[in-house]
Amino acid sequence: MSDNRLSVFKTYKLYVGGKFPRSESGRVYEVTDSKGKWLANAPQSSRKDARDAVVAARKAFGGWSGATAYNRSQILYRVAEMLEGRREQFVREVAEAEGLSKSKAAAVVDAAVDRWVWYAGWTDKIAQVVGGANPVAGPFFNLSTPEPTGVVTVLAPQESSFLGLVSVIAPVIAAGNTVVVVASAQSPLPALSLGEVLATSDLPGGVVNILSGKTAEIAAPLAAHQDVNGIDLTGADAALAKELEIAAADNLKRVSRPPVSRHHPDKEAQSAAHPQGVESDWVADPGTHRLTAFLETKTVWHPTGALGASGSSY
């Protein structure tokens, strides 16, 4: 075999509606490792790409939210299987993106796969935690059940290119929502590779849509989009988060605020307001707050029937 063989470089593309389009703008930007070495050219998404992703997410919402919780769990577990099968690729990409040794990157990838499995197990259990039968005075059943919010924009963490990414995507789709993900601007490659995994799993196209590029440029039209029902601001800095939250108020989007800075002068007060903690603490127990962040509670009253003297209709 010739020693002069040319390398075949990987072409990274967006993941929208189950397909792999190049950016509508035709733009790309250079992605480098922690030492400034060139890794790849990533698509630089435009406002049109963002709108296309919302259309795809809306189209997929009915089928995904209408699927049984057990079926969603099976599909998400299948994604974890696929991630496990491509473990070495993700270890390499995480090591390059975050400047980690191979052993530390492997630990991060393993934790991300485990977290995906953990959220897959919650799909048919979260309703039992946050829903239930309510005691009322009168011959009625009063039942509260959680339902997904709809199309959710998720700004992925900037620093944690894979574990943080999984930690913000998996709970949103486990709850029955569909998502438009804005990948880390500086480290988008693990997110774009995740799109390839999702495409070859059983996840319907459009449930997860992944965009790369400048976070502020992509997030602005998504925060103002009238067909986006919620936004997770994890990957936004304080100034951008404030701007996006104002835009999101136009159609009363549900907003999950960004994590607390470790250096915030009033950290205790901020922690109470933002229970998700700081961005770098992705290895901590995730709890269920990300599962419930984009769930709505529907309460139904139903008559029990005519009550007899004993107080029972049976």
Foldseek 3Di string as FASTA:
>chain_A
DDPPDDDDADDFAWAAQLDGDAAPVPDWDFAFFPVRHTRYTYGAHAQVLLVRLLVLQQVCQVVQQPDALLVQLVLLLQLLVLLVVCLVVQLVLQCRHQVHDSVVSSVLSVLQSVVSNVLSVCLNPVQVVPWDWDDDPDQKTKTKGKGFQEEEEEEFAQNRQGLSRSLQLRLNSSRRYAYEYEGRANRPVVVSVSSVSSSPTPNGGSSYTYDYHDCLRNLQSVLQDLSHQAYECQHPDPVSQVVSVVSNPVNDHQYQGHADDPPPPPVVVRCVVHVQHHSVPSSDDRPCCSNCSRIDMDMDMDGNDDADPVRHPD
